[in-house]
PDB file of N, CA and C in Angstrom:
ATOM      1  N   MET A   1       1.262  -1.169   0.320  1.00  0.00           N
ATOM      2  CA  MET A   1       0.085  -0.012   0.060  1.00  0.00           C
ATOM      3  C   MET A   1       0.789   1.184   0.127  1.00  0.00           C
ATOM      4  N   PRO A   2       0.242   2.193  -0.702  1.00  0.00           N
ATOM      5  CA  PRO A   2       1.358   3.521  -0.872  1.00  0.00           C
ATOM      6  C   PRO A   2       1.306   4.201   0.950  1.00  0.00           C
ATOM      7  N   ARG A   3       2.425   4.847   0.622  1.00  0.00           N
ATOM      8  CA  ARG A   3       2.432   5.394   2.039  1.00  0.00           C
ATOM      9  C   ARG A   3       1.325   6.755   2.416  1.00  0.00           C
ATOM     10  N   LYS A   4       1.830   8.061   3.371  1.00  0.00           N
ATOM     11  CA  LYS A   4       1.283   9.232   3.544  1.00  0.00           C
ATOM     12  C   LYS A   4      -0.356   9.196   3.617  1.00  0.00           C
ATOM     13  N   GLY A   5      -0.919   8.091   4.336  1.00  0.00           N
ATOM     14  CA  GLY A   5      -1.732   7.650   5.132  1.00  0.00           C
ATOM     15  C   GLY A   5      -3.254   7.756   3.615  1.00  0.00           C
ATOM     16  N   TYR A   6      -2.497   6.728   2.701  1.00  0.00           N
ATOM     17  CA  TYR A   6      -3.522   6.573   1.652  1.00  0.00           C
ATOM     18  C   TYR A   6      -4.433   5.616   2.197  1.00  0.00           C
ATOM     19  N   LYS A   7      -5.914   5.629   1.885  1.00  0.00           N
ATOM     20  CA  LYS A   7      -7.007   4.807   2.456  1.00  0.00           C
ATOM     21  C   LYS A   7      -7.753   4.535   0.939  1.00  0.00           C
ATOM     22  N   ARG A   8      -7.397   3.413   0.869  1.00  0.00           N
ATOM     23  CA  ARG A   8      -8.017   2.933  -0.335  1.00  0.00           C
ATOM     24  C   ARG A   8      -9.547   2.571  -0.430  1.00  0.00           C
ATOM     25  N   ALA A   9     -10.221   3.329  -1.502  1.00  0.00           N
ATOM     26  CA  ALA A   9     -11.755   3.081  -1.331  1.00  0.00           C
ATOM     27  C   ALA A   9     -12.053   1.692  -2.368  1.00  0.00           C
ATOM     28  N   LEU A  10     -13.299   1.097  -2.119  1.00  0.00           N
ATOM     29  CA  LEU A  10     -13.526   0.254  -2.627  1.00  0.00           C
ATOM     30  C   LEU A  10     -13.601   0.552  -4.280  1.00  0.00           C
ATOM     31  N   GLY A  11     -13.811  -0.042  -4.965  1.00  0.00           N
ATOM     32  CA  GLY A  11     -13.482   0.097  -6.876  1.00  0.00           C
ATOM     33  C   GLY A  11     -12.241   0.936  -7.229  1.00  0.00           C
ATOM     34  N   ARG A  12     -11.695   1.038  -6.564  1.00  0.00           N
ATOM     35  CA  ARG A  12     -10.174   1.850  -6.954  1.00  0.00           C
ATOM     36  C   ARG A  12      -8.885   0.929  -6.891  1.00  0.00           C
ATOM     37  N   SER A  13      -8.235   1.573  -7.975  1.00  0.00           N
ATOM     38  CA  SER A  13      -7.394   0.529  -7.949  1.00  0.00           C
ATOM     39  C   SER A  13      -6.109   0.331  -7.135  1.00  0.00           C
ATOM     40  N   VAL A  14      -5.209   0.382  -6.727  1.00  0.00           N
ATOM     41  CA  VAL A  14      -4.156   1.175  -6.181  1.00  0.00           C
ATOM     42  C   VAL A  14      -3.070   1.255  -6.679  1.00  0.00           C
ATOM     43  N   GLY A  15      -2.706   3.233  -6.068  1.00  0.00           N
ATOM     44  CA  GLY A  15      -2.456   4.483  -6.831  1.00  0.00           C
ATOM     45  C   GLY A  15      -3.160   5.212  -7.180  1.00  0.00           C
ATOM     46  N   MET A  16      -4.402   4.787  -7.679  1.00  0.00           N
ATOM     47  CA  MET A  16      -5.224   5.999  -7.986  1.00  0.00           C
ATOM     48  C   MET A  16      -5.732   6.846  -6.889  1.00  0.00           C
ATOM     49  N   PRO A  17      -5.525   8.051  -7.370  1.00  0.00           N
ATOM     50  CA  PRO A  17      -5.404   9.409  -6.619  1.00  0.00           C
ATOM     51  C   PRO A  17      -6.759   9.459  -6.241  1.00  0.00           C
ATOM     52  N   GLU A  18      -7.106  10.485  -4.926  1.00  0.00           N
ATOM     53  CA  GLU A  18      -8.406  10.158  -4.207  1.00  0.00           C
ATOM     54  C   GLU A  18      -9.610  11.260  -4.782  1.00  0.00           C
ATOM     55  N   VAL A  19      -8.849  12.396  -5.627  1.00  0.00           N
ATOM     56  CA  VAL A  19      -9.322  13.204  -6.313  1.00  0.00           C
ATOM     57  C   VAL A  19      -9.343  12.989  -7.697  1.00  0.00           C
ATOM     58  N   MET A  20     -10.358  13.425  -8.405  1.00  0.00           N
ATOM     59  CA  MET A  20     -10.152  12.603 -10.219  1.00  0.00           C
ATOM     60  C   MET A  20      -9.779  13.875 -10.576  1.00  0.00           C
ATOM     61  N   THR A  21      -9.543  15.193 -10.044  1.00  0.00           N
ATOM     62  CA  THR A  21      -8.878  16.371 -10.584  1.00  0.00           C
ATOM     63  C   THR A  21      -7.682  16.721 -10.164  1.00  0.00           C
ATOM     64  N   ALA A  22      -7.042  15.942  -9.832  1.00  0.00           N
ATOM     65  CA  ALA A  22      -5.689  15.445  -9.472  1.00  0.00           C
ATOM     66  C   ALA A  22      -4.296  15.806 -11.031  1.00  0.00           C
ATOM     67  N   GLN A  23      -3.647  16.508 -10.489  1.00  0.00           N
ATOM     68  CA  GLN A  23      -2.322  17.191 -11.338  1.00  0.00           C
ATOM     69  C   GLN A  23      -1.545  16.042 -11.726  1.00  0.00           C
ATOM     70  N   ASN A  24      -0.906  15.677 -10.303  1.00  0.00           N
ATOM     71  CA  ASN A  24       0.414  14.636 -10.642  1.00  0.00           C
ATOM     72  C   ASN A  24       0.451  13.202  -9.860  1.00  0.00           C
ATOM     73  N   PHE A  25       0.557  12.446 -11.009  1.00  0.00           N
ATOM     74  CA  PHE A  25       0.631  11.078 -10.612  1.00  0.00           C
ATOM     75  C   PHE A  25       2.103  10.765 -10.488  1.00  0.00           C
ATOM     76  N   ASN A  26       2.125  10.032  -9.020  1.00  0.00           N
ATOM     77  CA  ASN A  26       3.634   9.944  -8.564  1.00  0.00           C
ATOM     78  C   ASN A  26       3.680   8.242  -8.561  1.00  0.00           C
ATOM     79  N   ARG A  27       3.943   7.427 -10.054  1.00  0.00           N
ATOM     80  CA  ARG A  27       4.177   5.868 -10.227  1.00  0.00           C
ATOM     81  C   ARG A  27       5.434   5.882 -10.038  1.00  0.00           C
ATOM     82  N   ARG A  28       6.420   4.748  -9.874  1.00  0.00           N
ATOM     83  CA  ARG A  28       7.349   4.138 -10.187  1.00  0.00           C
ATOM     84  C   ARG A  28       7.557   3.162 -11.350  1.00  0.00           C
ATOM     85  N   ILE A  29       8.019   3.523 -12.516  1.00  0.00           N
ATOM     86  CA  ILE A  29       7.734   2.845 -13.609  1.00  0.00           C
ATOM     87  C   ILE A  29       9.377   2.322 -13.934  1.00  0.00           C
ATOM     88  N   SER A  30       9.778   1.100 -14.718  1.00  0.00           N
ATOM     89  CA  SER A  30      10.500   0.284 -15.286  1.00  0.00           C
ATOM     90  C   SER A  30      11.558   1.082 -15.838  1.00  0.00           C
ATOM     91  N   ALA A  31      12.708   0.781 -15.890  1.00  0.00           N
ATOM     92  CA  ALA A  31      13.578   1.594 -17.168  1.00  0.00           C
ATOM     93  C   ALA A  31      13.489   0.793 -18.163  1.00  0.00           C
ATOM     94  N   GLU A  32      12.646   0.281 -18.957  1.00  0.00           N
ATOM     95  CA  GLU A  32      12.054  -0.042 -20.307  1.00  0.00           C
ATOM     96  C   GLU A  32      10.468   1.037 -20.294  1.00  0.00           C
ATOM     97  N   GLY A  33       9.768   0.541 -19.075  1.00  0.00           N
ATOM     98  CA  GLY A  33       8.750   1.821 -19.697  1.00  0.00           C
ATOM     99  C   GLY A  33       9.160   3.335 -19.827  1.00  0.00           C
ATOM    100  N   ALA A  34      10.394   3.920 -19.237  1.00  0.00           N
ATOM    101  CA  ALA A  34      10.827   4.829 -19.278  1.00  0.00           C
ATOM    102  C   ALA A  34      10.916   5.210 -20.619  1.00  0.00           C
ATOM    103  N   LEU A  35      11.701   4.471 -20.787  1.00  0.00           N
ATOM    104  CA  LEU A  35      12.630   4.344 -22.577  1.00  0.00           C
ATOM    105  C   LEU A  35      11.222   4.435 -23.148  1.00  0.00           C
ATOM    106  N   ILE A  36      10.097   3.568 -23.256  1.00  0.00           N
ATOM    107  CA  ILE A  36       9.214   3.769 -24.125  1.00  0.00           C
ATOM    108  C   ILE A  36       8.743   5.011 -23.729  1.00  0.00           C
ATOM    109  N   LEU A  37       8.324   5.580 -22.995  1.00  0.00           N
ATOM    110  CA  LEU A  37       7.476   7.142 -22.895  1.00  0.00           C
ATOM    111  C   LEU A  37       8.739   8.186 -23.306  1.00  0.00           C
ATOM    112  N   ALA A  38       9.948   8.030 -23.136  1.00  0.00           N
ATOM    113  CA  ALA A  38      11.021   8.916 -23.564  1.00  0.00           C
ATOM    114  C   ALA A  38      10.766   8.770 -25.385  1.00  0.00           C
ATOM    115  N   THR A  39      11.145   7.571 -25.628  1.00  0.00           N
ATOM    116  CA  THR A  39      10.471   7.463 -27.657  1.00  0.00           C
ATOM    117  C   THR A  39       9.553   7.969 -27.835  1.00  0.00           C
ATOM    118  N   ALA A  40       8.186   7.850 -27.104  1.00  0.00           N
ATOM    119  CA  ALA A  40       6.982   8.629 -27.885  1.00  0.00           C
ATOM    120  C   ALA A  40       6.977   9.765 -27.964  1.00  0.00           C
ATOM    121  N   GLY A  41       7.694  10.722 -27.189  1.00  0.00           N
ATOM    122  CA  GLY A  41       8.223  12.070 -26.707  1.00  0.00           C
ATOM    123  C   GLY A  41       8.978  12.571 -27.210  1.00  0.00           C
ATOM    124  N   ASN A  42       9.834  11.825 -27.936  1.00  0.00           N
ATOM    125  CA  ASN A  42      11.133  12.346 -28.358  1.00  0.00           C
ATOM    126  C   ASN A  42      11.911  13.177 -27.202  1.00  0.00           C
ATOM    127  N   GLY A  43      12.218  12.552 -26.500  1.00  0.00           N
ATOM    128  CA  GLY A  43      12.980  12.685 -25.414  1.00  0.00           C
ATOM    129  C   GLY A  43      12.700  13.089 -24.233  1.00  0.00           C
ATOM    130  N   SER A  44      11.068  13.623 -24.347  1.00  0.00           N
ATOM    131  CA  SER A  44      10.429  13.787 -22.997  1.00  0.00           C
ATOM    132  C   SER A  44       9.195  12.781 -22.476  1.00  0.00           C
ATOM    133  N   LYS A  45       9.538  12.646 -21.098  1.00  0.00           N
ATOM    134  CA  LYS A  45       8.565  11.095 -20.955  1.00  0.00           C
ATOM    135  C   LYS A  45       7.206  11.682 -21.011  1.00  0.00           C
ATOM    136  N   THR A  46       6.958  12.974 -20.649  1.00  0.00           N
ATOM    137  CA  THR A  46       5.475  13.510 -20.019  1.00  0.00           C
ATOM    138  C   THR A  46       4.975  14.120 -21.695  1.00  0.00           C
ATOM    139  N   GLU A  47       5.717  14.269 -22.552  1.00  0.00           N
ATOM    140  CA  GLU A  47       4.900  14.336 -24.023  1.00  0.00           C
ATOM    141  C   GLU A  47       4.572  13.041 -24.301  1.00  0.00           C
ATOM    142  N   GLY A  48       5.766  11.623 -24.286  1.00  0.00           N
ATOM    143  CA  GLY A  48       5.663  10.733 -24.381  1.00  0.00           C
ATOM    144  C   GLY A  48       4.199  10.044 -24.003  1.00  0.00           C
ATOM    145  N   PHE A  49       4.147  10.028 -22.470  1.00  0.00           N
ATOM    146  CA  PHE A  49       2.697   9.867 -21.735  1.00  0.00           C
ATOM    147  C   PHE A  49       1.657  10.092 -22.490  1.00  0.00           C
ATOM    148  N   ARG A  50       1.528  11.774 -22.648  1.00  0.00           N
ATOM    149  CA  ARG A  50       0.400  12.548 -23.786  1.00  0.00           C
ATOM    150  C   ARG A  50       0.235  11.509 -24.939  1.00  0.00           C
ATOM    151  N   ASN A  51       1.103  11.046 -25.482  1.00  0.00           N
ATOM    152  CA  ASN A  51       0.857  11.214 -27.510  1.00  0.00           C
ATOM    153  C   ASN A  51       0.422   9.579 -27.358  1.00  0.00           C
ATOM    154  N   LEU A  52       0.826   8.841 -26.083  1.00  0.00           N
ATOM    155  CA  LEU A  52       0.203   7.228 -26.001  1.00  0.00           C
ATOM    156  C   LEU A  52      -0.911   7.078 -25.858  1.00  0.00           C
ATOM    157  N   LEU A  53      -1.336   8.049 -24.709  1.00  0.00           N
ATOM    158  CA  LEU A  53      -2.800   8.368 -24.508  1.00  0.00           C
ATOM    159  C   LEU A  53      -3.802   9.086 -25.171  1.00  0.00           C
ATOM    160  N   SER A  54      -3.199   9.763 -26.222  1.00  0.00           N
ATOM    161  CA  SER A  54      -3.835   9.994 -27.555  1.00  0.00           C
ATOM    162  C   SER A  54      -3.770   9.150 -28.748  1.00  0.00           C
ATOM    163  N   LEU A  55      -3.108   8.067 -28.470  1.00  0.00           N
ATOM    164  CA  LEU A  55      -3.135   6.881 -29.293  1.00  0.00           C
ATOM    165  C   LEU A  55      -4.383   6.089 -28.864  1.00  0.00           C
ATOM    166  N   TYR A  56      -4.216   6.057 -27.684  1.00  0.00           N
ATOM    167  CA  TYR A  56      -5.399   4.894 -27.241  1.00  0.00           C
ATOM    168  C   TYR A  56      -6.743   5.558 -27.076  1.00  0.00           C
ATOM    169  N   GLY A  57      -6.134   6.556 -27.122  1.00  0.00           N
ATOM    170  CA  GLY A  57      -8.023   7.157 -26.711  1.00  0.00           C
ATOM    171  C   GLY A  57      -9.112   7.405 -27.622  1.00  0.00           C
ATOM    172  N   ALA A  58      -7.851   7.660 -29.078  1.00  0.00           N
ATOM    173  CA  ALA A  58      -8.722   7.553 -30.444  1.00  0.00           C
ATOM    174  C   ALA A  58      -9.589   6.338 -31.068  1.00  0.00           C
TER     175      ALA A  58
END
């Protein structure tokens, strides 16, 4: 379980933020996952994440 007083609610997966309007998501990813995100974002993991979201959301 995550630290800092996180209380898991029914129906929520581990690591899901308490508020749906959260701006930051602190998750640990593997080196391979980071490389995939950086490649998809031309060196930026943030842009890679956004690009992958748009790809799968279409």
